[in-house]
mmCIF file of all heavy atoms, coordinates in Angstrom:
data_MODEL
# 
_entry.id   MODEL 
# 
loop_
_atom_site.group_PDB 
_atom_site.id 
_atom_site.type_symbol 
_atom_site.label_atom_id 
_atom_site.label_alt_id 
_atom_site.label_comp_id 
_atom_site.label_asym_id 
_atom_site.label_entity_id 
_atom_site.label_seq_id 
_atom_site.pdbx_PDB_ins_code 
_atom_site.Cartn_x 
_atom_site.Cartn_y 
_atom_site.Cartn_z 
_atom_site.occupancy 
_atom_site.B_iso_or_equiv 
_atom_site.pdbx_formal_charge 
_atom_site.auth_seq_id 
_atom_site.auth_comp_id 
_atom_site.auth_asym_id 
_atom_site.auth_atom_id 
_atom_site.pdbx_PDB_model_num 
ATOM 1   N N   . LEU A 1 1  ? -10.713 6.036   6.974   1.00 0.00 ? 1  LEU A N   1 
ATOM 2   C CA  . LEU A 1 1  ? -9.889  7.008   7.628   1.00 0.00 ? 1  LEU A CA  1 
ATOM 3   C C   . LEU A 1 1  ? -10.569 7.430   8.912   1.00 0.00 ? 1  LEU A C   1 
ATOM 4   O O   . LEU A 1 1  ? -11.649 8.046   8.908   1.00 0.00 ? 1  LEU A O   1 
ATOM 5   C CB  . LEU A 1 1  ? -9.625  8.210   6.721   1.00 0.00 ? 1  LEU A CB  1 
ATOM 6   C CG  . LEU A 1 1  ? -8.778  9.368   7.285   1.00 0.00 ? 1  LEU A CG  1 
ATOM 7   C CD1 . LEU A 1 1  ? -7.413  8.876   7.747   1.00 0.00 ? 1  LEU A CD1 1 
ATOM 8   C CD2 . LEU A 1 1  ? -8.647  10.529  6.316   1.00 0.00 ? 1  LEU A CD2 1 
ATOM 9   N N   . LYS A 1 2  ? -9.986  7.104   10.109  1.00 0.00 ? 2  LYS A N   1 
ATOM 10  C CA  . LYS A 1 2  ? -10.564 7.375   11.318  1.00 0.00 ? 2  LYS A CA  1 
ATOM 11  C C   . LYS A 1 2  ? -9.793  8.281   12.209  1.00 0.00 ? 2  LYS A C   1 
ATOM 12  O O   . LYS A 1 2  ? -10.343 9.168   12.892  1.00 0.00 ? 2  LYS A O   1 
ATOM 13  C CB  . LYS A 1 2  ? -10.912 6.078   12.043  1.00 0.00 ? 2  LYS A CB  1 
ATOM 14  C CG  . LYS A 1 2  ? -11.948 5.165   11.320  1.00 0.00 ? 2  LYS A CG  1 
ATOM 15  C CD  . LYS A 1 2  ? -12.111 3.942   12.091  1.00 0.00 ? 2  LYS A CD  1 
ATOM 16  C CE  . LYS A 1 2  ? -13.134 3.023   11.297  1.00 0.00 ? 2  LYS A CE  1 
ATOM 17  N NZ  . LYS A 1 2  ? -13.456 1.784   12.053  1.00 0.00 ? 2  LYS A NZ  1 
ATOM 18  N N   . THR A 1 3  ? -8.550  8.080   12.305  1.00 0.00 ? 3  THR A N   1 
ATOM 19  C CA  . THR A 1 3  ? -7.705  8.886   13.268  1.00 0.00 ? 3  THR A CA  1 
ATOM 20  C C   . THR A 1 3  ? -6.487  9.339   12.518  1.00 0.00 ? 3  THR A C   1 
ATOM 21  O O   . THR A 1 3  ? -6.045  8.763   11.509  1.00 0.00 ? 3  THR A O   1 
ATOM 22  C CB  . THR A 1 3  ? -7.278  8.076   14.503  1.00 0.00 ? 3  THR A CB  1 
ATOM 23  O OG1 . THR A 1 3  ? -6.414  7.068   14.037  1.00 0.00 ? 3  THR A OG1 1 
ATOM 24  C CG2 . THR A 1 3  ? -8.526  7.429   15.181  1.00 0.00 ? 3  THR A CG2 1 
ATOM 25  N N   . ARG A 1 4  ? -5.793  10.285  13.172  1.00 0.00 ? 4  ARG A N   1 
ATOM 26  C CA  . ARG A 1 4  ? -4.550  10.806  12.589  1.00 0.00 ? 4  ARG A CA  1 
ATOM 27  C C   . ARG A 1 4  ? -3.450  9.741   12.592  1.00 0.00 ? 4  ARG A C   1 
ATOM 28  O O   . ARG A 1 4  ? -2.587  9.716   11.792  1.00 0.00 ? 4  ARG A O   1 
ATOM 29  C CB  . ARG A 1 4  ? -4.095  12.053  13.379  1.00 0.00 ? 4  ARG A CB  1 
ATOM 30  C CG  . ARG A 1 4  ? -4.999  13.245  13.177  1.00 0.00 ? 4  ARG A CG  1 
ATOM 31  C CD  . ARG A 1 4  ? -4.533  14.421  14.063  1.00 0.00 ? 4  ARG A CD  1 
ATOM 32  N NE  . ARG A 1 4  ? -3.231  14.789  13.612  1.00 0.00 ? 4  ARG A NE  1 
ATOM 33  C CZ  . ARG A 1 4  ? -2.481  15.763  14.337  1.00 0.00 ? 4  ARG A CZ  1 
ATOM 34  N NH1 . ARG A 1 4  ? -3.022  16.349  15.361  1.00 0.00 ? 4  ARG A NH1 1 
ATOM 35  N NH2 . ARG A 1 4  ? -1.290  16.119  13.881  1.00 0.00 ? 4  ARG A NH2 1 
ATOM 36  N N   . HIS A 1 5  ? -3.534  8.860   13.575  1.00 0.00 ? 5  HIS A N   1 
ATOM 37  C CA  . HIS A 1 5  ? -2.504  7.809   13.728  1.00 0.00 ? 5  HIS A CA  1 
ATOM 38  C C   . HIS A 1 5  ? -2.753  6.657   12.738  1.00 0.00 ? 5  HIS A C   1 
ATOM 39  O O   . HIS A 1 5  ? -1.897  6.006   12.320  1.00 0.00 ? 5  HIS A O   1 
ATOM 40  C CB  . HIS A 1 5  ? -2.458  7.325   15.094  1.00 0.00 ? 5  HIS A CB  1 
ATOM 41  C CG  . HIS A 1 5  ? -2.070  8.338   16.162  1.00 0.00 ? 5  HIS A CG  1 
ATOM 42  N ND1 . HIS A 1 5  ? -0.752  8.830   16.192  1.00 0.00 ? 5  HIS A ND1 1 
ATOM 43  C CD2 . HIS A 1 5  ? -2.761  8.953   17.082  1.00 0.00 ? 5  HIS A CD2 1 
ATOM 44  C CE1 . HIS A 1 5  ? -0.703  9.723   17.179  1.00 0.00 ? 5  HIS A CE1 1 
ATOM 45  N NE2 . HIS A 1 5  ? -1.904  9.866   17.757  1.00 0.00 ? 5  HIS A NE2 1 
ATOM 46  N N   . GLU A 1 6  ? -4.107  6.518   12.391  1.00 0.00 ? 6  GLU A N   1 
ATOM 47  C CA  . GLU A 1 6  ? -4.413  5.377   11.487  1.00 0.00 ? 6  GLU A CA  1 
ATOM 48  C C   . GLU A 1 6  ? -4.141  5.711   10.011  1.00 0.00 ? 6  GLU A C   1 
ATOM 49  O O   . GLU A 1 6  ? -3.758  4.805   9.306   1.00 0.00 ? 6  GLU A O   1 
ATOM 50  C CB  . GLU A 1 6  ? -5.910  5.091   11.611  1.00 0.00 ? 6  GLU A CB  1 
ATOM 51  C CG  . GLU A 1 6  ? -6.420  3.863   10.996  1.00 0.00 ? 6  GLU A CG  1 
ATOM 52  C CD  . GLU A 1 6  ? -7.883  3.582   11.233  1.00 0.00 ? 6  GLU A CD  1 
ATOM 53  O OE1 . GLU A 1 6  ? -8.525  4.484   11.712  1.00 0.00 ? 6  GLU A OE1 1 
ATOM 54  O OE2 . GLU A 1 6  ? -8.287  2.463   10.872  1.00 0.00 ? 6  GLU A OE2 1 
ATOM 55  N N   . PHE A 1 7  ? -4.141  6.988   9.727   1.00 0.00 ? 7  PHE A N   1 
ATOM 56  C CA  . PHE A 1 7  ? -3.902  7.322   8.279   1.00 0.00 ? 7  PHE A CA  1 
ATOM 57  C C   . PHE A 1 7  ? -2.573  6.887   7.739   1.00 0.00 ? 7  PHE A C   1 
ATOM 58  O O   . PHE A 1 7  ? -2.549  6.208   6.668   1.00 0.00 ? 7  PHE A O   1 
ATOM 59  C CB  . PHE A 1 7  ? -4.069  8.848   8.161   1.00 0.00 ? 7  PHE A CB  1 
ATOM 60  C CG  . PHE A 1 7  ? -3.828  9.348   6.815   1.00 0.00 ? 7  PHE A CG  1 
ATOM 61  C CD1 . PHE A 1 7  ? -4.714  9.272   5.815   1.00 0.00 ? 7  PHE A CD1 1 
ATOM 62  C CD2 . PHE A 1 7  ? -2.519  10.020  6.543   1.00 0.00 ? 7  PHE A CD2 1 
ATOM 63  C CE1 . PHE A 1 7  ? -4.377  9.755   4.514   1.00 0.00 ? 7  PHE A CE1 1 
ATOM 64  C CE2 . PHE A 1 7  ? -2.269  10.526  5.336   1.00 0.00 ? 7  PHE A CE2 1 
ATOM 65  C CZ  . PHE A 1 7  ? -3.218  10.331  4.265   1.00 0.00 ? 7  PHE A CZ  1 
ATOM 66  N N   . PRO A 1 8  ? -1.450  7.222   8.366   1.00 0.00 ? 8  PRO A N   1 
ATOM 67  C CA  . PRO A 1 8  ? -0.173  6.823   7.797   1.00 0.00 ? 8  PRO A CA  1 
ATOM 68  C C   . PRO A 1 8  ? -0.012  5.303   7.671   1.00 0.00 ? 8  PRO A C   1 
ATOM 69  O O   . PRO A 1 8  ? 0.512   4.777   6.706   1.00 0.00 ? 8  PRO A O   1 
ATOM 70  C CB  . PRO A 1 8  ? 0.887   7.399   8.779   1.00 0.00 ? 8  PRO A CB  1 
ATOM 71  C CG  . PRO A 1 8  ? 0.141   8.433   9.514   1.00 0.00 ? 8  PRO A CG  1 
ATOM 72  C CD  . PRO A 1 8  ? -1.302  7.962   9.615   1.00 0.00 ? 8  PRO A CD  1 
ATOM 73  N N   . ARG A 1 9  ? -0.557  4.576   8.675   1.00 0.00 ? 9  ARG A N   1 
ATOM 74  C CA  . ARG A 1 9  ? -0.416  3.152   8.634   1.00 0.00 ? 9  ARG A CA  1 
ATOM 75  C C   . ARG A 1 9  ? -1.166  2.486   7.503   1.00 0.00 ? 9  ARG A C   1 
ATOM 76  O O   . ARG A 1 9  ? -0.655  1.558   6.731   1.00 0.00 ? 9  ARG A O   1 
ATOM 77  C CB  . ARG A 1 9  ? -0.865  2.475   9.980   1.00 0.00 ? 9  ARG A CB  1 
ATOM 78  C CG  . ARG A 1 9  ? -0.704  0.938   10.078  1.00 0.00 ? 9  ARG A CG  1 
ATOM 79  C CD  . ARG A 1 9  ? -0.903  0.449   11.420  1.00 0.00 ? 9  ARG A CD  1 
ATOM 80  N NE  . ARG A 1 9  ? -2.339  0.535   11.775  1.00 0.00 ? 9  ARG A NE  1 
ATOM 81  C CZ  . ARG A 1 9  ? -2.843  1.356   12.722  1.00 0.00 ? 9  ARG A CZ  1 
ATOM 82  N NH1 . ARG A 1 9  ? -2.043  2.208   13.302  1.00 0.00 ? 9  ARG A NH1 1 
ATOM 83  N NH2 . ARG A 1 9  ? -4.132  1.395   12.992  1.00 0.00 ? 9  ARG A NH2 1 
ATOM 84  N N   . LYS A 1 10 ? -2.433  2.927   7.250   1.00 0.00 ? 10 LYS A N   1 
ATOM 85  C CA  . LYS A 1 10 ? -3.246  2.354   6.158   1.00 0.00 ? 10 LYS A CA  1 
ATOM 86  C C   . LYS A 1 10 ? -2.740  2.811   4.804   1.00 0.00 ? 10 LYS A C   1 
ATOM 87  O O   . LYS A 1 10 ? -2.677  1.975   3.868   1.00 0.00 ? 10 LYS A O   1 
ATOM 88  C CB  . LYS A 1 10 ? -4.719  2.744   6.353   1.00 0.00 ? 10 LYS A CB  1 
ATOM 89  C CG  . LYS A 1 10 ? -5.364  1.999   7.509   1.00 0.00 ? 10 LYS A CG  1 
ATOM 90  C CD  . LYS A 1 10 ? -6.856  1.917   7.294   1.00 0.00 ? 10 LYS A CD  1 
ATOM 91  C CE  . LYS A 1 10 ? -7.483  1.014   8.288   1.00 0.00 ? 10 LYS A CE  1 
ATOM 92  N NZ  . LYS A 1 10 ? -8.910  0.779   8.044   1.00 0.00 ? 10 LYS A NZ  1 
ATOM 93  N N   . VAL A 1 11 ? -2.255  4.059   4.709   1.00 0.00 ? 11 VAL A N   1 
ATOM 94  C CA  . VAL A 1 11 ? -1.736  4.446   3.421   1.00 0.00 ? 11 VAL A CA  1 
ATOM 95  C C   . VAL A 1 11 ? -0.435  3.739   3.117   1.00 0.00 ? 11 VAL A C   1 
ATOM 96  O O   . VAL A 1 11 ? -0.162  3.357   1.975   1.00 0.00 ? 11 VAL A O   1 
ATOM 97  C CB  . VAL A 1 11 ? -1.418  5.991   3.425   1.00 0.00 ? 11 VAL A CB  1 
ATOM 98  C CG1 . VAL A 1 11 ? -0.665  6.397   2.247   1.00 0.00 ? 11 VAL A CG1 1 
ATOM 99  C CG2 . VAL A 1 11 ? -2.776  6.751   3.491   1.00 0.00 ? 11 VAL A CG2 1 
ATOM 100 N N   . LYS A 1 12 ? 0.380   3.453   4.168   1.00 0.00 ? 12 LYS A N   1 
ATOM 101 C CA  . LYS A 1 12 ? 1.565   2.704   3.961   1.00 0.00 ? 12 LYS A CA  1 
ATOM 102 C C   . LYS A 1 12 ? 1.292   1.283   3.441   1.00 0.00 ? 12 LYS A C   1 
ATOM 103 O O   . LYS A 1 12 ? 1.985   0.820   2.509   1.00 0.00 ? 12 LYS A O   1 
ATOM 104 C CB  . LYS A 1 12 ? 2.362   2.599   5.315   1.00 0.00 ? 12 LYS A CB  1 
ATOM 105 C CG  . LYS A 1 12 ? 3.844   2.311   5.147   1.00 0.00 ? 12 LYS A CG  1 
ATOM 106 C CD  . LYS A 1 12 ? 4.585   3.568   4.688   1.00 0.00 ? 12 LYS A CD  1 
ATOM 107 C CE  . LYS A 1 12 ? 6.091   3.359   4.660   1.00 0.00 ? 12 LYS A CE  1 
ATOM 108 N NZ  . LYS A 1 12 ? 6.719   4.486   4.150   1.00 0.00 ? 12 LYS A NZ  1 
ATOM 109 N N   . LYS A 1 13 ? 0.236   0.658   3.972   1.00 0.00 ? 13 LYS A N   1 
ATOM 110 C CA  . LYS A 1 13 ? -0.155  -0.639  3.476   1.00 0.00 ? 13 LYS A CA  1 
ATOM 111 C C   . LYS A 1 13 ? -0.613  -0.584  2.071   1.00 0.00 ? 13 LYS A C   1 
ATOM 112 O O   . LYS A 1 13 ? -0.373  -1.488  1.242   1.00 0.00 ? 13 LYS A O   1 
ATOM 113 C CB  . LYS A 1 13 ? -1.182  -1.246  4.381   1.00 0.00 ? 13 LYS A CB  1 
ATOM 114 C CG  . LYS A 1 13 ? -0.679  -1.677  5.748   1.00 0.00 ? 13 LYS A CG  1 
ATOM 115 C CD  . LYS A 1 13 ? -1.800  -2.213  6.624   1.00 0.00 ? 13 LYS A CD  1 
ATOM 116 C CE  . LYS A 1 13 ? -1.288  -2.664  8.036   1.00 0.00 ? 13 LYS A CE  1 
ATOM 117 N NZ  . LYS A 1 13 ? -2.345  -3.189  8.877   1.00 0.00 ? 13 LYS A NZ  1 
ATOM 118 N N   . GLN A 1 14 ? -1.308  0.500   1.718   1.00 0.00 ? 14 GLN A N   1 
ATOM 119 C CA  . GLN A 1 14 ? -1.782  0.652   0.314   1.00 0.00 ? 14 GLN A CA  1 
ATOM 120 C C   . GLN A 1 14 ? -0.562  0.880   -0.591  1.00 0.00 ? 14 GLN A C   1 
ATOM 121 O O   . GLN A 1 14 ? -0.571  0.421   -1.724  1.00 0.00 ? 14 GLN A O   1 
ATOM 122 C CB  . GLN A 1 14 ? -2.756  1.857   0.236   1.00 0.00 ? 14 GLN A CB  1 
ATOM 123 C CG  . GLN A 1 14 ? -4.114  1.535   0.825   1.00 0.00 ? 14 GLN A CG  1 
ATOM 124 C CD  . GLN A 1 14 ? -5.042  2.646   0.660   1.00 0.00 ? 14 GLN A CD  1 
ATOM 125 O OE1 . GLN A 1 14 ? -4.672  3.814   0.452   1.00 0.00 ? 14 GLN A OE1 1 
ATOM 126 N NE2 . GLN A 1 14 ? -6.320  2.408   0.757   1.00 0.00 ? 14 GLN A NE2 1 
ATOM 127 N N   . GLN A 1 15 ? 0.440   1.550   -0.078  1.00 0.00 ? 15 GLN A N   1 
ATOM 128 C CA  . GLN A 1 15 ? 1.651   1.792   -0.893  1.00 0.00 ? 15 GLN A CA  1 
ATOM 129 C C   . GLN A 1 15 ? 2.309   0.404   -1.192  1.00 0.00 ? 15 GLN A C   1 
ATOM 130 O O   . GLN A 1 15 ? 2.689   0.084   -2.301  1.00 0.00 ? 15 GLN A O   1 
ATOM 131 C CB  . GLN A 1 15 ? 2.626   2.621   -0.210  1.00 0.00 ? 15 GLN A CB  1 
ATOM 132 C CG  . GLN A 1 15 ? 2.196   4.058   -0.111  1.00 0.00 ? 15 GLN A CG  1 
ATOM 133 C CD  . GLN A 1 15 ? 3.080   4.904   0.788   1.00 0.00 ? 15 GLN A CD  1 
ATOM 134 O OE1 . GLN A 1 15 ? 4.034   4.390   1.404   1.00 0.00 ? 15 GLN A OE1 1 
ATOM 135 N NE2 . GLN A 1 15 ? 2.813   6.188   0.915   1.00 0.00 ? 15 GLN A NE2 1 
ATOM 136 N N   . TYR A 1 16 ? 2.477   -0.421  -0.110  1.00 0.00 ? 16 TYR A N   1 
ATOM 137 C CA  . TYR A 1 16 ? 3.079   -1.779  -0.307  1.00 0.00 ? 16 TYR A CA  1 
ATOM 138 C C   . TYR A 1 16 ? 2.203   -2.680  -1.223  1.00 0.00 ? 16 TYR A C   1 
ATOM 139 O O   . TYR A 1 16 ? 2.807   -3.424  -2.080  1.00 0.00 ? 16 TYR A O   1 
ATOM 140 C CB  . TYR A 1 16 ? 3.202   -2.430  1.032   1.00 0.00 ? 16 TYR A CB  1 
ATOM 141 C CG  . TYR A 1 16 ? 4.242   -1.785  2.020   1.00 0.00 ? 16 TYR A CG  1 
ATOM 142 C CD1 . TYR A 1 16 ? 4.028   -1.798  3.378   1.00 0.00 ? 16 TYR A CD1 1 
ATOM 143 C CD2 . TYR A 1 16 ? 5.375   -1.149  1.498   1.00 0.00 ? 16 TYR A CD2 1 
ATOM 144 C CE1 . TYR A 1 16 ? 4.916   -1.213  4.216   1.00 0.00 ? 16 TYR A CE1 1 
ATOM 145 C CE2 . TYR A 1 16 ? 6.260   -0.523  2.333   1.00 0.00 ? 16 TYR A CE2 1 
ATOM 146 C CZ  . TYR A 1 16 ? 6.058   -0.621  3.671   1.00 0.00 ? 16 TYR A CZ  1 
ATOM 147 O OH  . TYR A 1 16 ? 6.966   0.019   4.531   1.00 0.00 ? 16 TYR A OH  1 
ATOM 148 N N   . ALA A 1 17 ? 0.876   -2.571  -1.133  1.00 0.00 ? 17 ALA A N   1 
ATOM 149 C CA  . ALA A 1 17 ? 0.032   -3.335  -2.008  1.00 0.00 ? 17 ALA A CA  1 
ATOM 150 C C   . ALA A 1 17 ? 0.194   -2.939  -3.472  1.00 0.00 ? 17 ALA A C   1 
ATOM 151 O O   . ALA A 1 17 ? 0.300   -3.784  -4.355  1.00 0.00 ? 17 ALA A O   1 
ATOM 152 C CB  . ALA A 1 17 ? -1.399  -3.164  -1.591  1.00 0.00 ? 17 ALA A CB  1 
ATOM 153 N N   . ALA A 1 18 ? 0.304   -1.601  -3.707  1.00 0.00 ? 18 ALA A N   1 
ATOM 154 C CA  . ALA A 1 18 ? 0.496   -1.137  -5.083  1.00 0.00 ? 18 ALA A CA  1 
ATOM 155 C C   . ALA A 1 18 ? 1.871   -1.599  -5.659  1.00 0.00 ? 18 ALA A C   1 
ATOM 156 O O   . ALA A 1 18 ? 1.994   -2.038  -6.744  1.00 0.00 ? 18 ALA A O   1 
ATOM 157 C CB  . ALA A 1 18 ? 0.401   0.394   -5.109  1.00 0.00 ? 18 ALA A CB  1 
ATOM 158 N N   . MET A 1 19 ? 2.867   -1.533  -4.782  1.00 0.00 ? 19 MET A N   1 
ATOM 159 C CA  . MET A 1 19 ? 4.211   -2.036  -5.183  1.00 0.00 ? 19 MET A CA  1 
ATOM 160 C C   . MET A 1 19 ? 4.194   -3.507  -5.542  1.00 0.00 ? 19 MET A C   1 
ATOM 161 O O   . MET A 1 19 ? 4.755   -3.927  -6.508  1.00 0.00 ? 19 MET A O   1 
ATOM 162 C CB  . MET A 1 19 ? 5.206   -1.822  -3.992  1.00 0.00 ? 19 MET A CB  1 
ATOM 163 C CG  . MET A 1 19 ? 5.545   -0.410  -3.693  1.00 0.00 ? 19 MET A CG  1 
ATOM 164 S SD  . MET A 1 19 ? 6.613   -0.230  -2.259  1.00 0.00 ? 19 MET A SD  1 
ATOM 165 C CE  . MET A 1 19 ? 6.612   1.534   -1.988  1.00 0.00 ? 19 MET A CE  1 
ATOM 166 N N   . SER A 1 20 ? 3.423   -4.309  -4.746  1.00 0.00 ? 20 SER A N   1 
ATOM 167 C CA  . SER A 1 20 ? 3.383   -5.721  -4.998  1.00 0.00 ? 20 SER A CA  1 
ATOM 168 C C   . SER A 1 20 ? 2.637   -5.996  -6.359  1.00 0.00 ? 20 SER A C   1 
ATOM 169 O O   . SER A 1 20 ? 3.082   -6.954  -7.054  1.00 0.00 ? 20 SER A O   1 
ATOM 170 C CB  . SER A 1 20 ? 2.616   -6.465  -3.845  1.00 0.00 ? 20 SER A CB  1 
ATOM 171 O OG  . SER A 1 20 ? 1.263   -6.114  -3.871  1.00 0.00 ? 20 SER A OG  1 
ATOM 172 N N   . VAL A 1 21 ? 1.684   -5.180  -6.712  1.00 0.00 ? 21 VAL A N   1 
ATOM 173 C CA  . VAL A 1 21 ? 1.008   -5.395  -8.000  1.00 0.00 ? 21 VAL A CA  1 
ATOM 174 C C   . VAL A 1 21 ? 1.880   -5.045  -9.201  1.00 0.00 ? 21 VAL A C   1 
ATOM 175 O O   . VAL A 1 21 ? 1.987   -5.779  -10.179 1.00 0.00 ? 21 VAL A O   1 
ATOM 176 C CB  . VAL A 1 21 ? -0.317  -4.552  -8.053  1.00 0.00 ? 21 VAL A CB  1 
ATOM 177 C CG1 . VAL A 1 21 ? -0.930  -4.610  -9.493  1.00 0.00 ? 21 VAL A CG1 1 
ATOM 178 C CG2 . VAL A 1 21 ? -1.267  -5.031  -7.047  1.00 0.00 ? 21 VAL A CG2 1 
ATOM 179 N N   . PHE A 1 22 ? 2.677   -3.885  -9.033  1.00 0.00 ? 22 PHE A N   1 
ATOM 180 C CA  . PHE A 1 22 ? 3.673   -3.617  -10.052 1.00 0.00 ? 22 PHE A CA  1 
ATOM 181 C C   . PHE A 1 22 ? 4.727   -4.683  -10.210 1.00 0.00 ? 22 PHE A C   1 
ATOM 182 O O   . PHE A 1 22 ? 5.141   -5.065  -11.320 1.00 0.00 ? 22 PHE A O   1 
ATOM 183 C CB  . PHE A 1 22 ? 4.326   -2.237  -9.790  1.00 0.00 ? 22 PHE A CB  1 
ATOM 184 C CG  . PHE A 1 22 ? 3.545   -1.079  -10.276 1.00 0.00 ? 22 PHE A CG  1 
ATOM 185 C CD1 . PHE A 1 22 ? 2.629   -0.412  -9.438  1.00 0.00 ? 22 PHE A CD1 1 
ATOM 186 C CD2 . PHE A 1 22 ? 3.719   -0.647  -11.494 1.00 0.00 ? 22 PHE A CD2 1 
ATOM 187 C CE1 . PHE A 1 22 ? 1.860   0.662   -9.866  1.00 0.00 ? 22 PHE A CE1 1 
ATOM 188 C CE2 . PHE A 1 22 ? 3.007   0.501   -12.040 1.00 0.00 ? 22 PHE A CE2 1 
ATOM 189 C CZ  . PHE A 1 22 ? 2.109   1.138   -11.167 1.00 0.00 ? 22 PHE A CZ  1 
ATOM 190 N N   . PHE A 1 23 ? 5.204   -5.209  -9.085  1.00 0.00 ? 23 PHE A N   1 
ATOM 191 C CA  . PHE A 1 23 ? 6.147   -6.296  -9.114  1.00 0.00 ? 23 PHE A CA  1 
ATOM 192 C C   . PHE A 1 23 ? 5.558   -7.527  -9.815  1.00 0.00 ? 23 PHE A C   1 
ATOM 193 O O   . PHE A 1 23 ? 6.207   -8.161  -10.672 1.00 0.00 ? 23 PHE A O   1 
ATOM 194 C CB  . PHE A 1 23 ? 6.595   -6.645  -7.665  1.00 0.00 ? 23 PHE A CB  1 
ATOM 195 C CG  . PHE A 1 23 ? 7.558   -7.780  -7.581  1.00 0.00 ? 23 PHE A CG  1 
ATOM 196 C CD1 . PHE A 1 23 ? 8.870   -7.546  -7.531  1.00 0.00 ? 23 PHE A CD1 1 
ATOM 197 C CD2 . PHE A 1 23 ? 7.117   -9.141  -7.578  1.00 0.00 ? 23 PHE A CD2 1 
ATOM 198 C CE1 . PHE A 1 23 ? 9.792   -8.562  -7.443  1.00 0.00 ? 23 PHE A CE1 1 
ATOM 199 C CE2 . PHE A 1 23 ? 8.011   -10.167 -7.534  1.00 0.00 ? 23 PHE A CE2 1 
ATOM 200 C CZ  . PHE A 1 23 ? 9.383   -9.884  -7.419  1.00 0.00 ? 23 PHE A CZ  1 
ATOM 201 N N   . LEU A 1 24 ? 4.297   -7.825  -9.553  1.00 0.00 ? 24 LEU A N   1 
ATOM 202 C CA  . LEU A 1 24 ? 3.683   -8.989  -10.141 1.00 0.00 ? 24 LEU A CA  1 
ATOM 203 C C   . LEU A 1 24 ? 3.574   -8.867  -11.661 1.00 0.00 ? 24 LEU A C   1 
ATOM 204 O O   . LEU A 1 24 ? 3.903   -9.834  -12.346 1.00 0.00 ? 24 LEU A O   1 
ATOM 205 C CB  . LEU A 1 24 ? 2.301   -9.156  -9.488  1.00 0.00 ? 24 LEU A CB  1 
ATOM 206 C CG  . LEU A 1 24 ? 1.528   -10.425 -9.885  1.00 0.00 ? 24 LEU A CG  1 
ATOM 207 C CD1 . LEU A 1 24 ? 2.117   -11.613 -9.214  1.00 0.00 ? 24 LEU A CD1 1 
ATOM 208 C CD2 . LEU A 1 24 ? 0.028   -10.290 -9.501  1.00 0.00 ? 24 LEU A CD2 1 
ATOM 209 N N   . VAL A 1 25 ? 3.118   -7.754  -12.201 1.00 0.00 ? 25 VAL A N   1 
ATOM 210 C CA  . VAL A 1 25 ? 2.936   -7.680  -13.609 1.00 0.00 ? 25 VAL A CA  1 
ATOM 211 C C   . VAL A 1 25 ? 4.282   -7.656  -14.259 1.00 0.00 ? 25 VAL A C   1 
ATOM 212 O O   . VAL A 1 25 ? 4.409   -8.227  -15.384 1.00 0.00 ? 25 VAL A O   1 
ATOM 213 C CB  . VAL A 1 25 ? 2.038   -6.413  -13.957 1.00 0.00 ? 25 VAL A CB  1 
ATOM 214 C CG1 . VAL A 1 25 ? 2.805   -5.078  -13.660 1.00 0.00 ? 25 VAL A CG1 1 
ATOM 215 C CG2 . VAL A 1 25 ? 1.641   -6.429  -15.459 1.00 0.00 ? 25 VAL A CG2 1 
ATOM 216 N N   . GLY A 1 26 ? 5.245   -6.991  -13.685 1.00 0.00 ? 26 GLY A N   1 
ATOM 217 C CA  . GLY A 1 26 ? 6.644   -7.000  -14.255 1.00 0.00 ? 26 GLY A CA  1 
ATOM 218 C C   . GLY A 1 26 ? 7.206   -8.411  -14.285 1.00 0.00 ? 26 GLY A C   1 
ATOM 219 O O   . GLY A 1 26 ? 7.929   -8.820  -15.203 1.00 0.00 ? 26 GLY A O   1 
ATOM 220 N N   . PHE A 1 27 ? 6.918   -9.128  -13.192 1.00 0.00 ? 27 PHE A N   1 
ATOM 221 C CA  . PHE A 1 27 ? 7.448   -10.536 -13.023 1.00 0.00 ? 27 PHE A CA  1 
ATOM 222 C C   . PHE A 1 27 ? 6.952   -11.373 -14.209 1.00 0.00 ? 27 PHE A C   1 
ATOM 223 O O   . PHE A 1 27 ? 7.743   -12.063 -14.852 1.00 0.00 ? 27 PHE A O   1 
ATOM 224 C CB  . PHE A 1 27 ? 7.074   -11.054 -11.683 1.00 0.00 ? 27 PHE A CB  1 
ATOM 225 C CG  . PHE A 1 27 ? 7.560   -12.437 -11.398 1.00 0.00 ? 27 PHE A CG  1 
ATOM 226 C CD1 . PHE A 1 27 ? 8.734   -12.704 -10.711 1.00 0.00 ? 27 PHE A CD1 1 
ATOM 227 C CD2 . PHE A 1 27 ? 6.819   -13.596 -11.857 1.00 0.00 ? 27 PHE A CD2 1 
ATOM 228 C CE1 . PHE A 1 27 ? 9.226   -14.004 -10.525 1.00 0.00 ? 27 PHE A CE1 1 
ATOM 229 C CE2 . PHE A 1 27 ? 7.196   -14.876 -11.600 1.00 0.00 ? 27 PHE A CE2 1 
ATOM 230 C CZ  . PHE A 1 27 ? 8.456   -15.088 -10.875 1.00 0.00 ? 27 PHE A CZ  1 
ATOM 231 N N   . PHE A 1 28 ? 5.620   -11.429 -14.342 1.00 0.00 ? 28 PHE A N   1 
ATOM 232 C CA  . PHE A 1 28 ? 5.080   -12.347 -15.390 1.00 0.00 ? 28 PHE A CA  1 
ATOM 233 C C   . PHE A 1 28 ? 5.358   -11.839 -16.812 1.00 0.00 ? 28 PHE A C   1 
ATOM 234 O O   . PHE A 1 28 ? 5.605   -12.689 -17.708 1.00 0.00 ? 28 PHE A O   1 
ATOM 235 C CB  . PHE A 1 28 ? 3.551   -12.453 -15.200 1.00 0.00 ? 28 PHE A CB  1 
ATOM 236 C CG  . PHE A 1 28 ? 3.167   -13.400 -14.186 1.00 0.00 ? 28 PHE A CG  1 
ATOM 237 C CD1 . PHE A 1 28 ? 2.644   -13.034 -12.957 1.00 0.00 ? 28 PHE A CD1 1 
ATOM 238 C CD2 . PHE A 1 28 ? 3.445   -14.819 -14.306 1.00 0.00 ? 28 PHE A CD2 1 
ATOM 239 C CE1 . PHE A 1 28 ? 2.270   -13.951 -11.979 1.00 0.00 ? 28 PHE A CE1 1 
ATOM 240 C CE2 . PHE A 1 28 ? 3.131   -15.683 -13.381 1.00 0.00 ? 28 PHE A CE2 1 
ATOM 241 C CZ  . PHE A 1 28 ? 2.527   -15.288 -12.193 1.00 0.00 ? 28 PHE A CZ  1 
# 
């Protein structure tokens, strides 16, 4: 976490990553 502008973007990517993991386990 470095700047106020960087925070939302990185957290958003972490949200998408978590969604993809849930999708993956549900898929299999």
